[in-house]
């Protein structure tokens, strides 16, 4: 069995840390905003990992812009990293749920409009007098032989 190089082991550990803290951040965001989508483990995991990555990126970029050396080596294990991950995960979860609400309202509105148009067409057709087909109006007599 071959052993991994220290570089590969470091990357495996880093990826597992990000997945673990992303899961924690996603679960915390779901706990703070219960009863909604996403309900599944994968949705919570993706939202948590995205929140963790974006939160750490925001802190890192802000600390370089403001030139604060205390936050120069921030990672998700730190309390500030976990706090940022939870806050950004909450924001992602809110945006996701608001998007679902807007889409559902738009589809209901378009469905109601199409039903209203269908009803008005049916009503206008029922108000017209019934017409008989042209063949029924004229009688055709066969020629006499």
N, C-alpha and C. Protein backbone atom coordinates (compact mmCIF):
# COMPACT_ATOMS: atom_id res chain seq x y z
N UNK A 1 0.85 -1.17 0.00
CA UNK A 1 0.00 0.00 0.00
C UNK A 1 0.89 1.23 0.00
N UNK A 2 0.55 2.17 -0.87
CA UNK A 2 1.38 3.37 -0.96
C UNK A 2 0.84 4.45 -0.04
N UNK A 3 1.74 5.17 0.54
CA UNK A 3 1.36 6.29 1.39
C UNK A 3 1.28 7.56 0.54
N UNK A 4 0.39 8.43 0.94
CA UNK A 4 0.27 9.69 0.24
C UNK A 4 1.38 10.63 0.68
N UNK A 5 1.71 11.54 -0.20
CA UNK A 5 2.70 12.54 0.15
C UNK A 5 2.10 13.51 1.16
N UNK A 6 2.93 14.20 1.91
CA UNK A 6 2.39 15.16 2.88
C UNK A 6 1.52 16.24 2.23
N UNK A 7 1.85 16.61 1.00
CA UNK A 7 1.06 17.61 0.30
C UNK A 7 -0.36 17.11 0.04
N UNK A 8 -0.50 15.87 -0.41
CA UNK A 8 -1.82 15.29 -0.69
C UNK A 8 -2.59 15.11 0.62
N UNK A 9 -1.91 14.68 1.67
CA UNK A 9 -2.57 14.51 2.97
C UNK A 9 -3.08 15.85 3.49
N UNK A 10 -2.29 16.91 3.29
CA UNK A 10 -2.71 18.24 3.72
C UNK A 10 -3.97 18.66 2.98
N UNK A 11 -4.05 18.40 1.66
CA UNK A 11 -5.23 18.77 0.90
C UNK A 11 -6.45 17.94 1.30
N UNK A 12 -6.26 16.66 1.56
CA UNK A 12 -7.38 15.84 2.04
C UNK A 12 -7.90 16.36 3.37
N UNK A 13 -7.00 16.70 4.28
CA UNK A 13 -7.42 17.24 5.57
C UNK A 13 -8.14 18.57 5.40
N UNK A 14 -7.63 19.42 4.53
CA UNK A 14 -8.26 20.72 4.31
C UNK A 14 -9.66 20.56 3.72
N UNK A 15 -9.81 19.67 2.76
CA UNK A 15 -11.13 19.44 2.15
C UNK A 15 -12.11 18.88 3.17
N UNK A 16 -11.66 17.95 4.00
CA UNK A 16 -12.53 17.40 5.04
C UNK A 16 -12.92 18.46 6.06
N UNK A 17 -12.01 19.36 6.39
CA UNK A 17 -12.32 20.44 7.32
C UNK A 17 -13.40 21.35 6.73
N UNK A 18 -13.24 21.71 5.46
CA UNK A 18 -14.23 22.58 4.81
C UNK A 18 -15.58 21.90 4.72
N UNK A 19 -15.60 20.61 4.40
CA UNK A 19 -16.87 19.88 4.34
C UNK A 19 -17.51 19.80 5.72
N UNK A 20 -16.70 19.52 6.73
CA UNK A 20 -17.22 19.41 8.10
C UNK A 20 -17.79 20.72 8.60
N UNK A 21 -17.04 21.80 8.46
CA UNK A 21 -17.54 23.08 8.94
C UNK A 21 -18.64 23.64 8.04
N UNK A 22 -18.61 23.30 6.77
CA UNK A 22 -19.73 23.67 5.91
C UNK A 22 -21.01 22.99 6.33
N UNK A 23 -20.90 21.73 6.72
CA UNK A 23 -22.07 20.99 7.21
C UNK A 23 -22.60 21.62 8.50
N UNK A 24 -21.69 21.96 9.39
CA UNK A 24 -22.10 22.61 10.66
C UNK A 24 -22.77 23.94 10.37
N UNK A 25 -22.19 24.73 9.47
CA UNK A 25 -22.78 26.03 9.13
C UNK A 25 -24.15 25.85 8.49
N UNK A 26 -24.29 24.88 7.60
CA UNK A 26 -25.58 24.62 6.97
C UNK A 26 -26.63 24.15 7.97
N UNK A 27 -26.22 23.29 8.89
CA UNK A 27 -27.16 22.82 9.93
C UNK A 27 -27.57 23.95 10.86
N UNK A 28 -26.63 24.83 11.18
CA UNK A 28 -26.98 25.97 12.04
C UNK A 28 -27.93 26.93 11.31
N UNK A 29 -27.69 27.16 10.03
CA UNK A 29 -28.59 28.03 9.25
C UNK A 29 -29.97 27.40 9.15
N UNK A 30 -30.03 26.08 8.95
CA UNK A 30 -31.33 25.39 8.87
C UNK A 30 -32.03 25.43 10.23
N UNK A 31 -31.27 25.36 11.31
CA UNK A 31 -31.87 25.42 12.65
C UNK A 31 -32.42 26.82 12.94
N UNK A 32 -31.76 27.86 12.43
CA UNK A 32 -32.22 29.22 12.66
C UNK A 32 -33.40 29.59 11.76
N UNK A 33 -33.52 28.93 10.61
CA UNK A 33 -34.65 29.14 9.70
C UNK A 33 -35.30 27.79 9.39
N UNK A 34 -36.05 27.23 10.33
CA UNK A 34 -36.61 25.89 10.10
C UNK A 34 -37.81 25.92 9.16
N UNK A 35 -38.31 24.72 8.87
CA UNK A 35 -39.53 24.51 8.08
C UNK A 35 -39.47 25.13 6.71
N UNK A 36 -38.57 24.66 5.93
CA UNK A 36 -38.49 25.15 4.56
C UNK A 36 -37.54 24.30 3.77
N UNK A 37 -37.45 24.63 2.50
CA UNK A 37 -36.54 23.91 1.63
C UNK A 37 -35.18 24.55 1.73
N UNK A 38 -34.11 23.91 1.52
CA UNK A 38 -33.95 22.49 1.22
C UNK A 38 -34.04 21.64 2.48
N UNK A 39 -34.73 20.54 2.37
CA UNK A 39 -34.89 19.63 3.50
C UNK A 39 -33.82 18.56 3.54
N UNK A 40 -33.22 18.25 2.43
CA UNK A 40 -32.29 17.14 2.33
C UNK A 40 -30.90 17.48 2.82
N UNK A 41 -30.14 16.43 3.04
CA UNK A 41 -28.78 16.58 3.53
C UNK A 41 -27.90 17.27 2.50
N UNK A 42 -28.07 16.93 1.22
CA UNK A 42 -27.21 17.50 0.19
C UNK A 42 -27.45 19.00 0.03
N UNK A 43 -28.68 19.44 0.11
CA UNK A 43 -28.97 20.87 0.01
C UNK A 43 -28.35 21.65 1.15
N UNK A 44 -28.49 21.11 2.36
CA UNK A 44 -27.90 21.77 3.52
C UNK A 44 -26.38 21.78 3.42
N UNK A 45 -25.82 20.68 2.95
CA UNK A 45 -24.37 20.57 2.80
C UNK A 45 -23.85 21.58 1.79
N UNK A 46 -24.52 21.70 0.65
CA UNK A 46 -24.08 22.63 -0.39
C UNK A 46 -24.20 24.08 0.10
N UNK A 47 -25.30 24.41 0.74
CA UNK A 47 -25.48 25.77 1.25
C UNK A 47 -24.43 26.07 2.32
N UNK A 48 -24.15 25.11 3.18
CA UNK A 48 -23.15 25.32 4.23
C UNK A 48 -21.75 25.49 3.67
N UNK A 49 -21.37 24.67 2.71
CA UNK A 49 -20.03 24.77 2.12
C UNK A 49 -19.89 26.08 1.34
N UNK A 50 -20.92 26.45 0.59
CA UNK A 50 -20.87 27.73 -0.13
C UNK A 50 -20.79 28.90 0.85
N UNK A 51 -21.57 28.82 1.92
CA UNK A 51 -21.51 29.87 2.94
C UNK A 51 -20.16 29.96 3.60
N UNK A 52 -19.56 28.81 3.85
CA UNK A 52 -18.24 28.79 4.46
C UNK A 52 -17.20 29.39 3.53
N UNK A 53 -17.21 29.00 2.27
CA UNK A 53 -16.23 29.53 1.30
C UNK A 53 -16.42 31.03 1.09
N UNK A 54 -17.65 31.46 0.89
CA UNK A 54 -17.91 32.87 0.63
C UNK A 54 -17.62 33.71 1.88
N UNK A 55 -18.00 33.21 3.05
CA UNK A 55 -17.74 33.94 4.30
C UNK A 55 -16.26 34.15 4.56
N UNK A 56 -15.47 33.10 4.37
CA UNK A 56 -14.03 33.22 4.56
C UNK A 56 -13.44 34.15 3.51
N UNK A 57 -13.93 34.07 2.28
CA UNK A 57 -13.44 34.96 1.22
C UNK A 57 -13.73 36.42 1.56
N UNK A 58 -14.92 36.70 2.08
CA UNK A 58 -15.28 38.08 2.44
C UNK A 58 -14.39 38.59 3.56
N UNK A 59 -14.16 37.76 4.57
CA UNK A 59 -13.30 38.19 5.68
C UNK A 59 -11.87 38.41 5.20
N UNK A 60 -11.38 37.50 4.38
CA UNK A 60 -10.01 37.61 3.88
C UNK A 60 -9.86 38.87 3.02
N UNK A 61 -10.81 39.12 2.12
CA UNK A 61 -10.73 40.30 1.26
C UNK A 61 -10.86 41.58 2.06
N UNK A 62 -11.76 41.60 3.01
CA UNK A 62 -11.96 42.78 3.83
C UNK A 62 -10.73 43.07 4.68
N UNK A 63 -10.12 42.04 5.24
CA UNK A 63 -8.95 42.27 6.09
C UNK A 63 -7.76 42.77 5.27
N UNK A 64 -7.64 42.35 4.03
CA UNK A 64 -6.55 42.87 3.17
C UNK A 64 -6.83 44.30 2.75
N UNK A 65 -8.12 44.61 2.52
CA UNK A 65 -8.47 45.96 2.10
C UNK A 65 -8.28 46.96 3.25
N UNK A 66 -8.68 46.54 4.45
CA UNK A 66 -8.55 47.42 5.61
C UNK A 66 -7.15 47.33 6.22
N UNK A 67 -6.41 46.32 5.83
CA UNK A 67 -5.05 46.07 6.31
C UNK A 67 -5.02 45.74 7.80
N UNK A 68 -5.82 44.73 8.17
CA UNK A 68 -5.82 44.21 9.54
C UNK A 68 -5.04 42.91 9.50
N UNK A 69 -3.96 42.84 10.24
CA UNK A 69 -3.10 41.66 10.21
C UNK A 69 -3.63 40.52 11.07
N UNK A 70 -4.56 40.79 11.96
CA UNK A 70 -5.10 39.75 12.84
C UNK A 70 -5.87 38.69 12.06
N UNK A 71 -6.48 39.08 10.95
CA UNK A 71 -7.30 38.17 10.17
C UNK A 71 -6.59 37.68 8.92
N UNK A 72 -5.26 37.79 8.89
CA UNK A 72 -4.55 37.45 7.66
C UNK A 72 -4.60 35.95 7.35
N UNK A 73 -4.67 35.11 8.35
CA UNK A 73 -4.69 33.66 8.11
C UNK A 73 -5.96 33.07 8.72
N UNK A 74 -7.10 33.46 8.18
CA UNK A 74 -8.39 33.00 8.71
C UNK A 74 -8.74 31.68 8.06
N UNK A 75 -9.35 30.79 8.81
CA UNK A 75 -9.81 29.51 8.27
C UNK A 75 -11.15 29.16 8.93
N UNK A 76 -11.84 28.15 8.42
CA UNK A 76 -13.17 27.87 8.96
C UNK A 76 -13.16 27.31 10.38
N UNK A 77 -12.00 26.90 10.87
CA UNK A 77 -11.96 26.34 12.22
C UNK A 77 -12.08 27.44 13.28
N UNK A 78 -11.68 28.64 12.95
CA UNK A 78 -11.72 29.72 13.93
C UNK A 78 -13.17 30.12 14.22
N UNK A 79 -13.42 30.70 15.39
CA UNK A 79 -14.78 31.14 15.71
C UNK A 79 -15.30 32.19 14.73
N UNK A 80 -14.41 33.09 14.29
CA UNK A 80 -14.83 34.10 13.32
C UNK A 80 -15.20 33.46 11.99
N UNK A 81 -14.44 32.45 11.58
CA UNK A 81 -14.74 31.74 10.33
C UNK A 81 -16.08 31.01 10.41
N UNK A 82 -16.35 30.38 11.55
CA UNK A 82 -17.63 29.68 11.72
C UNK A 82 -18.79 30.68 11.75
N UNK A 83 -18.59 31.81 12.43
CA UNK A 83 -19.62 32.85 12.48
C UNK A 83 -19.92 33.39 11.08
N UNK A 84 -18.86 33.67 10.31
CA UNK A 84 -19.05 34.18 8.94
C UNK A 84 -19.74 33.13 8.08
N UNK A 85 -19.37 31.87 8.24
CA UNK A 85 -20.00 30.80 7.45
C UNK A 85 -21.47 30.69 7.77
N UNK A 86 -21.83 30.80 9.03
CA UNK A 86 -23.25 30.70 9.42
C UNK A 86 -24.03 31.88 8.88
N UNK A 87 -23.49 33.08 8.99
CA UNK A 87 -24.19 34.28 8.51
C UNK A 87 -24.40 34.20 6.99
N UNK A 88 -23.36 33.84 6.26
CA UNK A 88 -23.50 33.77 4.79
C UNK A 88 -24.42 32.60 4.40
N UNK A 89 -24.38 31.51 5.15
CA UNK A 89 -25.30 30.39 4.87
C UNK A 89 -26.75 30.82 5.10
N UNK A 90 -26.99 31.61 6.13
CA UNK A 90 -28.33 32.15 6.37
C UNK A 90 -28.77 33.03 5.20
N UNK A 91 -27.86 33.87 4.71
CA UNK A 91 -28.20 34.74 3.60
C UNK A 91 -28.50 33.92 2.34
N UNK A 92 -27.71 32.89 2.07
CA UNK A 92 -27.95 32.04 0.91
C UNK A 92 -29.29 31.32 1.05
N UNK A 93 -29.59 30.83 2.25
CA UNK A 93 -30.85 30.14 2.50
C UNK A 93 -32.04 31.08 2.32
N UNK A 94 -31.92 32.32 2.78
CA UNK A 94 -33.00 33.29 2.59
C UNK A 94 -33.20 33.61 1.11
N UNK A 95 -32.12 33.82 0.39
CA UNK A 95 -32.22 34.11 -1.04
C UNK A 95 -32.86 32.93 -1.77
N UNK A 96 -32.47 31.71 -1.41
CA UNK A 96 -33.03 30.52 -2.04
C UNK A 96 -34.53 30.42 -1.80
N UNK A 97 -34.94 30.64 -0.56
CA UNK A 97 -36.37 30.53 -0.24
C UNK A 97 -37.18 31.65 -0.87
N UNK A 98 -36.64 32.88 -0.89
CA UNK A 98 -37.34 33.97 -1.55
C UNK A 98 -37.48 33.72 -3.04
N UNK A 99 -36.46 33.15 -3.65
CA UNK A 99 -36.53 32.80 -5.07
C UNK A 99 -37.63 31.77 -5.32
N UNK A 100 -37.72 30.77 -4.45
CA UNK A 100 -38.78 29.77 -4.60
C UNK A 100 -40.16 30.40 -4.47
N UNK A 101 -40.33 31.33 -3.54
CA UNK A 101 -41.62 31.98 -3.34
C UNK A 101 -41.98 32.81 -4.58
N UNK A 102 -41.01 33.56 -5.11
CA UNK A 102 -41.28 34.40 -6.28
C UNK A 102 -41.63 33.53 -7.49
N UNK A 103 -40.90 32.46 -7.69
CA UNK A 103 -41.18 31.57 -8.82
C UNK A 103 -42.56 30.94 -8.69
N UNK A 104 -42.91 30.50 -7.47
CA UNK A 104 -44.23 29.88 -7.29
C UNK A 104 -45.35 30.90 -7.50
N UNK A 105 -45.15 32.15 -7.08
CA UNK A 105 -46.16 33.17 -7.31
C UNK A 105 -46.30 33.49 -8.79
N UNK A 106 -45.19 33.54 -9.50
CA UNK A 106 -45.25 33.81 -10.95
C UNK A 106 -45.95 32.69 -11.70
N UNK A 107 -45.68 31.45 -11.33
CA UNK A 107 -46.33 30.34 -12.02
C UNK A 107 -47.82 30.29 -11.69
N UNK A 108 -48.20 30.61 -10.45
CA UNK A 108 -49.62 30.66 -10.11
C UNK A 108 -50.32 31.76 -10.89
N UNK A 109 -49.66 32.91 -11.02
CA UNK A 109 -50.26 34.02 -11.74
C UNK A 109 -50.44 33.69 -13.21
N UNK A 110 -49.44 33.06 -13.82
CA UNK A 110 -49.57 32.71 -15.23
C UNK A 110 -50.62 31.62 -15.42
N UNK A 111 -50.72 30.70 -14.47
CA UNK A 111 -51.75 29.67 -14.55
C UNK A 111 -53.13 30.28 -14.41
N UNK A 112 -53.30 31.22 -13.49
CA UNK A 112 -54.59 31.89 -13.31
C UNK A 112 -54.96 32.70 -14.55
N UNK A 113 -53.98 33.38 -15.16
CA UNK A 113 -54.25 34.15 -16.37
C UNK A 113 -54.69 33.25 -17.51
N UNK A 114 -54.03 32.11 -17.68
CA UNK A 114 -54.41 31.21 -18.77
C UNK A 114 -55.78 30.60 -18.51
N UNK A 115 -56.10 30.29 -17.25
CA UNK A 115 -57.43 29.76 -16.93
C UNK A 115 -58.50 30.82 -17.17
N UNK A 116 -58.19 32.08 -16.83
CA UNK A 116 -59.14 33.16 -17.03
C UNK A 116 -59.40 33.37 -18.53
N UNK A 117 -58.34 33.30 -19.35
CA UNK A 117 -58.50 33.45 -20.79
C UNK A 117 -59.34 32.30 -21.35
N UNK A 118 -59.10 31.09 -20.88
CA UNK A 118 -59.86 29.93 -21.36
C UNK A 118 -61.33 30.07 -20.98
N UNK A 119 -61.60 30.54 -19.75
CA UNK A 119 -62.98 30.72 -19.33
C UNK A 119 -63.67 31.81 -20.16
N UNK A 120 -62.97 32.89 -20.44
CA UNK A 120 -63.60 33.97 -21.22
C UNK A 120 -63.85 33.52 -22.65
N UNK A 121 -62.96 32.71 -23.22
CA UNK A 121 -63.18 32.18 -24.57
C UNK A 121 -64.38 31.24 -24.57
N UNK A 122 -64.49 30.38 -23.57
CA UNK A 122 -65.62 29.46 -23.47
C UNK A 122 -66.93 30.22 -23.29
N UNK A 123 -66.92 31.28 -22.50
CA UNK A 123 -68.13 32.07 -22.29
C UNK A 123 -68.53 32.79 -23.57
N UNK A 124 -67.56 33.31 -24.31
CA UNK A 124 -67.90 34.02 -25.55
C UNK A 124 -68.43 33.06 -26.60
N UNK A 125 -67.90 31.84 -26.61
CA UNK A 125 -68.39 30.85 -27.56
C UNK A 125 -69.78 30.36 -27.19
N UNK A 126 -70.08 30.26 -25.92
CA UNK A 126 -71.40 29.79 -25.51
C UNK A 126 -72.46 30.86 -25.72
N UNK A 127 -72.08 32.13 -25.76
CA UNK A 127 -73.07 33.19 -25.97
C UNK A 127 -73.45 33.33 -27.44
N UNK A 128 -72.66 32.81 -28.37
CA UNK A 128 -73.00 32.86 -29.79
C UNK A 128 -74.11 31.86 -30.09
N UNK A 129 -75.00 32.19 -31.03
CA UNK A 129 -76.04 31.21 -31.38
C UNK A 129 -75.41 30.01 -32.07
N UNK A 130 -76.02 28.91 -31.83
CA UNK A 130 -75.50 27.67 -32.42
C UNK A 130 -75.76 27.68 -33.91
N UNK A 131 -74.73 27.44 -34.67
CA UNK A 131 -74.88 27.41 -36.11
C UNK A 131 -74.86 25.97 -36.59
N UNK A 132 -75.70 25.72 -37.59
CA UNK A 132 -75.71 24.38 -38.14
C UNK A 132 -74.69 24.32 -39.26
N UNK A 133 -74.14 23.16 -39.49
CA UNK A 133 -73.18 23.05 -40.59
C UNK A 133 -73.85 23.34 -41.93
N UNK A 134 -73.06 23.73 -42.90
CA UNK A 134 -73.58 24.12 -44.22
C UNK A 134 -74.30 22.96 -44.89
N UNK A 135 -73.88 21.76 -44.72
CA UNK A 135 -74.52 20.60 -45.37
C UNK A 135 -75.91 20.38 -44.79
N UNK A 136 -76.13 20.74 -43.54
CA UNK A 136 -77.43 20.53 -42.93
C UNK A 136 -78.42 21.60 -43.38
N UNK A 137 -77.91 22.80 -43.76
CA UNK A 137 -78.80 23.88 -44.15
C UNK A 137 -79.38 23.65 -45.55
N UNK A 138 -78.63 23.14 -46.45
CA UNK A 138 -79.12 22.91 -47.80
C UNK A 138 -79.40 21.44 -47.99
N UNK A 139 -80.48 21.17 -48.64
CA UNK A 139 -80.80 19.77 -48.89
C UNK A 139 -80.42 19.43 -50.32
N UNK A 140 -79.72 18.39 -50.46
CA UNK A 140 -79.28 17.96 -51.77
C UNK A 140 -80.17 16.78 -52.18
N UNK A 141 -80.80 16.92 -53.31
CA UNK A 141 -81.64 15.82 -53.80
C UNK A 141 -80.89 15.10 -54.91
N UNK A 142 -80.97 13.81 -54.90
CA UNK A 142 -80.28 13.07 -55.95
C UNK A 142 -80.97 13.27 -57.30
N UNK A 143 -80.22 13.27 -58.39
CA UNK A 143 -80.85 13.47 -59.71
C UNK A 143 -81.76 12.30 -60.08
N UNK A 144 -82.82 12.61 -60.79
CA UNK A 144 -83.76 11.57 -61.19
C UNK A 144 -83.29 10.97 -62.48
N UNK A 145 -83.34 9.73 -62.51
CA UNK A 145 -82.90 9.01 -63.70
C UNK A 145 -84.06 8.44 -64.45
